[in-house]
Amino acid sequence: MVLTEKGLELIKMFEGFSATPYLCEAGYRTIGYGHVIRLGENLQNVTETEATVILLRDVANAERAVWRLIGVPLESNQYDSLVSFTFNLGAGSLQRSTLRQKLNRGEYYEAGEEFPKWCYAGGKKSKGLLKRRLIEKEVFLYGDYPI
């Protein structure tokens, strides 16, 4: 299974594009479509095309985590939603989540209900993250993409 074009556009919509570095809500230096700038990376300016290439590399890491951590069959919309979640929060968050536990027990609806609980950045509830999680939930449960 691979991220669909709609899934990629969903992540782009959530992340937005920035040609120059900025601090995200969680306090990380970020560029492009939500790429956290790692130690040793000297990214000062990127085009949308360059940012998309970087995003695809970052998304591949999130996809590998979903493949490794989820042991039940998924529809493409469910996969897209989980990759978006994992891209944003990291594989460790998916690994330790009740969402993952419920999903791997085959409790799809109950797993979908877990998305909104993951709306904190820097220890504070974020309206932006809550909106993202509610959309990911709708995509996961019903295949309702806002794009």
Protein backbone atom coordinates (compact mmCIF):
# COMPACT_ATOMS: atom_id res chain seq x y z
CA MET A 1 0.00 0.00 0.00
CA VAL A 2 1.22 3.51 -0.80
CA LEU A 3 0.04 6.98 0.02
CA THR A 4 -2.51 8.16 -2.54
CA GLU A 5 -2.28 11.47 -4.38
CA LYS A 6 -5.17 12.69 -2.22
CA GLY A 7 -3.23 11.62 0.87
CA LEU A 8 -0.18 13.59 -0.26
CA GLU A 9 -2.33 16.65 -1.00
CA LEU A 10 -3.92 16.28 2.44
CA ILE A 11 -0.51 16.43 4.13
CA LYS A 12 0.48 19.41 1.98
CA MET A 13 -2.75 21.17 2.95
CA PHE A 14 -2.16 20.56 6.66
CA GLU A 15 1.50 21.55 6.60
CA GLY A 16 1.35 24.49 4.25
CA PHE A 17 4.42 25.59 2.32
CA SER A 18 7.24 27.78 3.55
CA ALA A 19 10.24 28.52 1.34
CA THR A 20 12.26 29.60 4.39
CA PRO A 21 12.75 28.12 7.87
CA TYR A 22 10.23 28.82 10.63
CA LEU A 23 9.50 27.46 14.11
CA CYS A 24 6.53 25.09 14.17
CA GLU A 25 4.07 24.97 17.10
CA ALA A 26 6.22 22.41 18.85
CA GLY A 27 9.30 24.64 18.53
CA TYR A 28 11.18 22.79 15.76
CA ARG A 29 12.94 24.56 12.87
CA THR A 30 10.90 23.56 9.86
CA ILE A 31 10.89 24.27 6.11
CA GLY A 32 8.93 23.31 3.01
CA TYR A 33 5.95 21.10 3.78
CA GLY A 34 6.61 20.40 7.45
CA HIS A 35 10.16 19.10 7.14
CA VAL A 36 11.97 19.33 10.47
CA ILE A 37 15.48 20.56 9.73
CA ARG A 38 17.95 18.07 11.15
CA LEU A 39 21.41 18.75 12.53
CA GLY A 40 23.78 19.13 9.60
CA GLU A 41 21.08 20.12 7.09
CA ASN A 42 21.69 23.58 5.71
CA LEU A 43 18.29 24.42 4.28
CA GLN A 44 17.75 28.16 3.99
CA ASN A 45 15.46 28.35 1.00
CA VAL A 46 13.51 25.73 -0.99
CA THR A 47 11.21 25.82 -3.98
CA GLU A 48 7.85 24.03 -3.92
CA THR A 49 9.34 21.35 -6.17
CA GLU A 50 12.30 20.82 -3.83
CA ALA A 51 9.94 20.80 -0.84
CA THR A 52 7.81 18.12 -2.50
CA VAL A 53 10.88 15.91 -3.04
CA ILE A 54 11.81 16.33 0.64
CA LEU A 55 8.20 15.64 1.66
CA LEU A 56 8.13 12.40 -0.34
CA ARG A 57 11.28 11.25 1.47
CA ASP A 58 9.77 12.15 4.85
CA VAL A 59 6.47 10.49 3.95
CA ALA A 60 8.34 7.28 3.07
CA ASN A 61 9.57 7.14 6.69
CA ALA A 62 6.01 7.55 7.97
CA GLU A 63 4.80 4.85 5.57
CA ARG A 64 7.41 2.38 6.79
CA ALA A 65 6.25 2.98 10.36
CA VAL A 66 2.61 2.35 9.44
CA TRP A 67 3.57 -0.86 7.59
CA ARG A 68 5.58 -2.04 10.61
CA LEU A 69 3.09 -1.10 13.34
CA ILE A 70 -0.30 -1.86 11.84
CA GLY A 71 -1.19 -5.51 11.40
CA VAL A 72 -4.73 -5.32 10.03
CA PRO A 73 -5.98 -4.66 6.49
CA LEU A 74 -6.54 -1.01 5.64
CA GLU A 75 -8.52 0.84 3.00
CA SER A 76 -6.56 3.54 1.15
CA ASN A 77 -8.31 6.34 3.07
CA GLN A 78 -7.41 4.71 6.40
CA TYR A 79 -3.81 4.33 5.27
CA ASP A 80 -3.63 7.96 4.11
CA SER A 81 -4.97 9.16 7.44
CA LEU A 82 -2.49 7.05 9.42
CA VAL A 83 0.44 8.23 7.29
CA SER A 84 -0.61 11.86 7.83
CA PHE A 85 -0.88 11.24 11.59
CA THR A 86 2.52 9.53 11.70
CA PHE A 87 4.18 12.14 9.48
CA ASN A 88 3.02 14.86 11.87
CA LEU A 89 3.61 13.13 15.21
CA GLY A 90 6.30 10.56 14.51
CA ALA A 91 6.39 6.78 14.60
CA GLY A 92 6.81 6.70 18.38
CA SER A 93 3.45 8.39 18.87
CA LEU A 94 1.73 5.86 16.62
CA GLN A 95 3.55 3.00 18.35
CA ARG A 96 2.44 3.94 21.87
CA SER A 97 -1.07 5.10 20.91
CA THR A 98 -4.36 3.58 21.96
CA LEU A 99 -5.35 4.26 18.34
CA ARG A 100 -2.84 1.62 17.22
CA GLN A 101 -3.89 -0.85 19.91
CA LYS A 102 -7.57 -0.56 19.00
CA LEU A 103 -6.87 -0.74 15.29
CA ASN A 104 -4.71 -3.86 15.64
CA ARG A 105 -7.60 -5.48 17.55
CA GLY A 106 -9.80 -4.78 14.53
CA GLU A 107 -11.73 -2.01 16.29
CA TYR A 108 -11.70 0.36 13.32
CA TYR A 109 -14.40 2.79 14.45
CA GLU A 110 -13.01 3.00 17.99
CA ALA A 111 -9.53 3.59 16.57
CA GLY A 112 -10.87 6.45 14.46
CA GLU A 113 -12.32 8.05 17.56
CA GLU A 114 -8.78 8.30 19.00
CA PHE A 115 -7.48 10.85 16.46
CA PRO A 116 -8.80 13.99 18.22
CA LYS A 117 -6.95 13.09 21.42
CA TRP A 118 -3.65 13.91 19.69
CA CYS A 119 -4.02 17.69 19.52
CA TYR A 120 -1.26 18.93 21.83
CA ALA A 121 1.91 20.79 20.86
CA GLY A 122 4.46 21.82 23.43
CA GLY A 123 2.11 20.61 26.19
CA LYS A 124 -0.73 22.90 25.10
CA LYS A 125 -3.93 22.08 23.25
CA SER A 126 -3.73 23.38 19.68
CA LYS A 127 -6.82 24.41 17.73
CA GLY A 128 -4.91 23.80 14.50
CA LEU A 129 -3.92 20.28 15.51
CA LEU A 130 -7.44 19.52 16.71
CA LYS A 131 -8.77 20.58 13.31
CA ARG A 132 -6.19 18.36 11.61
CA ARG A 133 -7.04 15.37 13.79
CA LEU A 134 -10.78 15.81 13.19
CA ILE A 135 -10.17 15.82 9.44
CA GLU A 136 -7.89 12.76 9.71
CA LYS A 137 -10.66 11.04 11.65
CA GLU A 138 -13.21 11.82 8.90
CA VAL A 139 -10.81 10.57 6.23
CA PHE A 140 -10.08 7.43 8.26
CA LEU A 141 -13.68 6.55 9.10
CA TYR A 142 -15.58 7.77 6.05
CA GLY A 143 -13.11 8.60 3.28
CA ASP A 144 -14.20 12.25 3.40
CA TYR A 145 -11.23 14.21 2.05
CA PRO A 146 -11.60 18.00 2.30
CA ILE A 147 -9.69 18.47 -0.97
